Amino acid sequence: MLKRTTEVIKHRNGGDLSTFVKAPGRTDFDAITMALREAIRRSCSGAQFEGEFPRHVWGWLNGQLYEARLINRAQGWYKAWPIEDAERPTDDEGRLNW
């Protein structure tokens, strides 16, 4: 199960100082971040880097293999999606067997 935690931000609208409005703030994706870090630690990445981050990373989360693509190299942000066995990259060294 993926755990997602979103902060709640209270603010006031206009000149109404008696009422607070709640809005979603920053969201943490703890399990996803840990899986990505573990995949990078195990060198489950492509050879191309953008700055200090690998462009593509493959890793496991809850028994499903994911591919992650770097979308913001300044921040180190990735977008990930599950992949099927047919989409699995060639892995002669067995790095994805964990």
N, C-alpha and C. Protein backbone atom coordinates (compact mmCIF):
# COMPACT_ATOMS: atom_id res chain seq x y z
N MET A 1 0.84 -1.18 0.00
CA MET A 1 0.00 0.00 0.00
C MET A 1 0.88 1.24 0.00
N LEU A 2 0.57 2.19 -0.84
CA LEU A 2 1.32 3.43 -0.89
C LEU A 2 0.79 4.39 0.15
N LYS A 3 1.71 4.96 0.90
CA LYS A 3 1.31 5.94 1.90
C LYS A 3 1.59 7.33 1.36
N ARG A 4 0.62 8.15 1.40
CA ARG A 4 0.75 9.53 0.95
C ARG A 4 0.26 10.43 2.07
N THR A 5 1.07 11.40 2.44
CA THR A 5 0.71 12.34 3.49
C THR A 5 0.69 13.74 2.91
N THR A 6 -0.43 14.43 3.07
CA THR A 6 -0.57 15.79 2.54
C THR A 6 -0.82 16.75 3.69
N GLU A 7 -0.01 17.80 3.75
CA GLU A 7 -0.20 18.84 4.76
C GLU A 7 -1.50 19.58 4.50
N VAL A 8 -2.09 20.07 5.56
CA VAL A 8 -3.27 20.94 5.44
C VAL A 8 -2.82 22.35 5.77
N ILE A 9 -3.10 23.27 4.88
CA ILE A 9 -2.72 24.66 5.07
C ILE A 9 -3.99 25.47 5.34
N LYS A 10 -3.98 26.21 6.44
CA LYS A 10 -5.11 27.08 6.78
C LYS A 10 -4.79 28.49 6.32
N HIS A 11 -5.76 29.13 5.72
CA HIS A 11 -5.61 30.53 5.34
C HIS A 11 -6.97 31.22 5.40
N ARG A 12 -6.94 32.53 5.32
CA ARG A 12 -8.16 33.32 5.36
C ARG A 12 -8.41 33.91 4.00
N ASN A 13 -9.67 34.00 3.65
CA ASN A 13 -10.05 34.63 2.38
C ASN A 13 -10.45 36.07 2.59
N GLY A 14 -9.91 36.93 1.76
CA GLY A 14 -10.32 38.34 1.78
C GLY A 14 -10.18 38.98 3.15
N GLY A 15 -11.16 39.74 3.54
CA GLY A 15 -11.13 40.45 4.81
C GLY A 15 -11.81 39.71 5.94
N ASP A 16 -12.28 38.47 5.70
CA ASP A 16 -12.96 37.71 6.74
C ASP A 16 -11.93 37.08 7.67
N LEU A 17 -11.71 37.71 8.82
CA LEU A 17 -10.70 37.21 9.77
C LEU A 17 -11.25 36.17 10.73
N SER A 18 -12.54 35.87 10.63
CA SER A 18 -13.14 34.92 11.57
C SER A 18 -13.19 33.48 11.05
N THR A 19 -12.94 33.29 9.76
CA THR A 19 -13.08 31.97 9.16
C THR A 19 -11.79 31.55 8.46
N PHE A 20 -11.37 30.31 8.73
CA PHE A 20 -10.22 29.72 8.06
C PHE A 20 -10.69 28.82 6.92
N VAL A 21 -9.95 28.81 5.85
CA VAL A 21 -10.19 27.89 4.74
C VAL A 21 -9.02 26.91 4.71
N LYS A 22 -9.31 25.64 4.51
CA LYS A 22 -8.26 24.63 4.45
C LYS A 22 -7.99 24.26 3.00
N ALA A 23 -6.71 24.12 2.67
CA ALA A 23 -6.30 23.76 1.31
C ALA A 23 -5.18 22.72 1.40
N PRO A 24 -5.07 21.84 0.38
CA PRO A 24 -3.97 20.87 0.41
C PRO A 24 -2.63 21.56 0.19
N GLY A 25 -1.62 21.09 0.91
CA GLY A 25 -0.27 21.63 0.79
C GLY A 25 0.68 20.61 0.19
N ARG A 26 1.88 20.52 0.73
CA ARG A 26 2.92 19.62 0.25
C ARG A 26 2.54 18.17 0.53
N THR A 27 2.82 17.29 -0.42
CA THR A 27 2.52 15.86 -0.27
C THR A 27 3.82 15.07 -0.22
N ASP A 28 3.93 14.15 0.75
CA ASP A 28 5.07 13.25 0.87
C ASP A 28 4.69 11.87 0.36
N PHE A 29 5.57 11.27 -0.40
CA PHE A 29 5.38 9.92 -0.90
C PHE A 29 6.54 9.07 -0.36
N ASP A 30 6.49 8.73 0.91
CA ASP A 30 7.60 8.05 1.58
C ASP A 30 8.02 6.76 0.91
N ALA A 31 7.08 5.86 0.64
CA ALA A 31 7.43 4.55 0.07
C ALA A 31 8.02 4.69 -1.33
N ILE A 32 7.47 5.58 -2.11
CA ILE A 32 7.95 5.79 -3.47
C ILE A 32 9.37 6.35 -3.44
N THR A 33 9.60 7.31 -2.58
CA THR A 33 10.94 7.90 -2.46
C THR A 33 11.96 6.86 -2.03
N MET A 34 11.61 6.03 -1.06
CA MET A 34 12.52 4.98 -0.58
C MET A 34 12.82 3.97 -1.69
N ALA A 35 11.81 3.58 -2.46
CA ALA A 35 12.01 2.63 -3.55
C ALA A 35 12.92 3.22 -4.63
N LEU A 36 12.74 4.48 -4.94
CA LEU A 36 13.59 5.14 -5.93
C LEU A 36 15.03 5.22 -5.45
N ARG A 37 15.23 5.59 -4.21
CA ARG A 37 16.59 5.66 -3.65
C ARG A 37 17.26 4.29 -3.65
N GLU A 38 16.50 3.26 -3.30
CA GLU A 38 17.06 1.90 -3.28
C GLU A 38 17.45 1.47 -4.69
N ALA A 39 16.63 1.78 -5.68
CA ALA A 39 16.95 1.42 -7.07
C ALA A 39 18.21 2.13 -7.54
N ILE A 40 18.36 3.40 -7.20
CA ILE A 40 19.56 4.14 -7.58
C ILE A 40 20.77 3.57 -6.84
N ARG A 41 20.62 3.25 -5.57
CA ARG A 41 21.71 2.67 -4.79
C ARG A 41 22.19 1.35 -5.40
N ARG A 42 21.25 0.57 -5.94
CA ARG A 42 21.58 -0.72 -6.56
C ARG A 42 22.02 -0.57 -8.02
N SER A 43 22.16 0.65 -8.49
CA SER A 43 22.57 0.94 -9.88
C SER A 43 21.58 0.40 -10.90
N CYS A 44 20.30 0.45 -10.59
CA CYS A 44 19.26 0.02 -11.52
C CYS A 44 18.83 1.21 -12.37
N SER A 45 19.81 1.76 -13.07
CA SER A 45 19.55 2.96 -13.86
C SER A 45 20.22 2.84 -15.22
N GLY A 46 19.78 3.70 -16.13
CA GLY A 46 20.41 3.77 -17.43
C GLY A 46 21.76 4.47 -17.33
N ALA A 47 22.49 4.46 -18.42
CA ALA A 47 23.83 5.06 -18.43
C ALA A 47 23.81 6.58 -18.57
N GLN A 48 22.69 7.13 -19.03
CA GLN A 48 22.63 8.58 -19.24
C GLN A 48 22.25 9.30 -17.95
N PHE A 49 23.01 10.34 -17.65
CA PHE A 49 22.74 11.17 -16.48
C PHE A 49 22.46 12.59 -16.94
N GLU A 50 21.63 13.27 -16.17
CA GLU A 50 21.39 14.70 -16.36
C GLU A 50 21.84 15.36 -15.07
N GLY A 51 22.99 16.00 -15.12
CA GLY A 51 23.58 16.51 -13.90
C GLY A 51 24.00 15.34 -13.05
N GLU A 52 23.55 15.31 -11.80
CA GLU A 52 23.93 14.21 -10.89
C GLU A 52 22.89 13.10 -10.81
N PHE A 53 21.82 13.18 -11.61
CA PHE A 53 20.73 12.21 -11.53
C PHE A 53 20.66 11.34 -12.78
N PRO A 54 20.41 10.03 -12.61
CA PRO A 54 20.20 9.19 -13.79
C PRO A 54 18.90 9.56 -14.49
N ARG A 55 18.90 9.51 -15.81
CA ARG A 55 17.70 9.88 -16.58
C ARG A 55 16.58 8.85 -16.38
N HIS A 56 16.93 7.55 -16.38
CA HIS A 56 15.95 6.48 -16.18
C HIS A 56 16.37 5.60 -15.01
N VAL A 57 15.39 5.18 -14.22
CA VAL A 57 15.62 4.28 -13.09
C VAL A 57 14.52 3.24 -13.08
N TRP A 58 14.87 1.98 -12.76
CA TRP A 58 13.89 0.90 -12.65
C TRP A 58 13.97 0.34 -11.24
N GLY A 59 12.81 0.18 -10.61
CA GLY A 59 12.79 -0.33 -9.25
C GLY A 59 11.46 -0.97 -8.90
N TRP A 60 11.47 -1.68 -7.79
CA TRP A 60 10.30 -2.43 -7.33
C TRP A 60 9.59 -1.70 -6.21
N LEU A 61 8.27 -1.75 -6.26
CA LEU A 61 7.44 -1.22 -5.18
C LEU A 61 6.21 -2.11 -5.07
N ASN A 62 6.04 -2.72 -3.92
CA ASN A 62 4.90 -3.61 -3.66
C ASN A 62 4.78 -4.71 -4.71
N GLY A 63 5.91 -5.31 -5.09
CA GLY A 63 5.90 -6.43 -6.02
C GLY A 63 5.72 -6.05 -7.48
N GLN A 64 5.70 -4.77 -7.80
CA GLN A 64 5.51 -4.28 -9.16
C GLN A 64 6.77 -3.54 -9.60
N LEU A 65 7.25 -3.84 -10.82
CA LEU A 65 8.40 -3.12 -11.36
C LEU A 65 7.94 -1.81 -11.98
N TYR A 66 8.64 -0.73 -11.64
CA TYR A 66 8.34 0.60 -12.15
C TYR A 66 9.52 1.15 -12.94
N GLU A 67 9.21 1.97 -13.91
CA GLU A 67 10.22 2.77 -14.58
C GLU A 67 10.00 4.21 -14.16
N ALA A 68 11.08 4.89 -13.81
CA ALA A 68 11.00 6.30 -13.43
C ALA A 68 11.84 7.11 -14.39
N ARG A 69 11.34 8.26 -14.77
CA ARG A 69 12.02 9.17 -15.70
C ARG A 69 12.23 10.50 -15.00
N LEU A 70 13.46 11.00 -15.05
CA LEU A 70 13.78 12.29 -14.46
C LEU A 70 13.02 13.39 -15.20
N ILE A 71 12.27 14.19 -14.46
CA ILE A 71 11.50 15.26 -15.10
C ILE A 71 11.98 16.66 -14.69
N ASN A 72 12.79 16.73 -13.64
CA ASN A 72 13.34 18.01 -13.20
C ASN A 72 14.69 17.76 -12.57
N ARG A 73 15.76 17.99 -13.34
CA ARG A 73 17.09 17.66 -12.83
C ARG A 73 17.56 18.62 -11.76
N ALA A 74 17.06 19.85 -11.74
CA ALA A 74 17.45 20.79 -10.70
C ALA A 74 16.94 20.34 -9.33
N GLN A 75 15.74 19.76 -9.30
CA GLN A 75 15.13 19.31 -8.05
C GLN A 75 15.29 17.80 -7.82
N GLY A 76 15.68 17.05 -8.86
CA GLY A 76 15.78 15.60 -8.73
C GLY A 76 14.42 14.93 -8.69
N TRP A 77 13.44 15.46 -9.42
CA TRP A 77 12.09 14.91 -9.42
C TRP A 77 11.94 13.90 -10.54
N TYR A 78 11.22 12.81 -10.23
CA TYR A 78 10.97 11.74 -11.18
C TYR A 78 9.47 11.53 -11.33
N LYS A 79 9.09 11.01 -12.49
CA LYS A 79 7.74 10.53 -12.72
C LYS A 79 7.87 9.04 -12.97
N ALA A 80 7.04 8.22 -12.32
CA ALA A 80 7.16 6.76 -12.43
C ALA A 80 5.85 6.14 -12.83
N TRP A 81 5.93 4.97 -13.47
CA TRP A 81 4.76 4.22 -13.89
C TRP A 81 5.11 2.74 -13.88
N PRO A 82 4.12 1.89 -13.62
CA PRO A 82 4.37 0.44 -13.63
C PRO A 82 4.63 -0.04 -15.06
N ILE A 83 5.50 -1.05 -15.18
CA ILE A 83 5.77 -1.62 -16.50
C ILE A 83 5.51 -3.12 -16.49
N GLU A 84 5.22 -3.66 -17.65
CA GLU A 84 4.96 -5.09 -17.82
C GLU A 84 6.28 -5.81 -18.08
N ASP A 85 6.27 -7.14 -17.98
CA ASP A 85 7.47 -7.93 -18.22
C ASP A 85 8.07 -7.65 -19.61
N ALA A 86 7.22 -7.46 -20.61
CA ALA A 86 7.70 -7.21 -21.97
C ALA A 86 8.44 -5.88 -22.08
N GLU A 87 8.19 -4.96 -21.15
CA GLU A 87 8.84 -3.65 -21.17
C GLU A 87 10.10 -3.61 -20.30
N ARG A 88 10.36 -4.69 -19.61
CA ARG A 88 11.50 -4.76 -18.69
C ARG A 88 12.80 -4.60 -19.47
N PRO A 89 13.71 -3.76 -18.97
CA PRO A 89 14.97 -3.57 -19.70
C PRO A 89 15.87 -4.81 -19.62
N THR A 90 16.79 -4.92 -20.57
CA THR A 90 17.77 -6.00 -20.54
C THR A 90 18.59 -5.85 -19.26
N ASP A 91 18.75 -6.96 -18.54
CA ASP A 91 19.42 -6.91 -17.23
C ASP A 91 20.37 -8.10 -17.11
N ASP A 92 21.45 -8.09 -17.89
CA ASP A 92 22.41 -9.20 -17.89
C ASP A 92 23.09 -9.40 -16.54
N GLU A 93 23.20 -8.34 -15.76
CA GLU A 93 23.88 -8.42 -14.46
C GLU A 93 22.93 -8.80 -13.31
N GLY A 94 21.64 -8.90 -13.59
CA GLY A 94 20.67 -9.31 -12.56
C GLY A 94 20.40 -8.26 -11.49
N ARG A 95 20.59 -7.00 -11.81
CA ARG A 95 20.38 -5.94 -10.83
C ARG A 95 18.92 -5.78 -10.41
N LEU A 96 18.00 -6.17 -11.31
CA LEU A 96 16.59 -6.01 -11.00
C LEU A 96 15.99 -7.18 -10.23
N ASN A 97 16.80 -8.15 -9.89
CA ASN A 97 16.33 -9.32 -9.15
C ASN A 97 16.51 -9.12 -7.66
N TRP A 98 15.69 -8.24 -7.07
CA TRP A 98 15.75 -7.98 -5.63
C TRP A 98 14.38 -7.84 -5.05
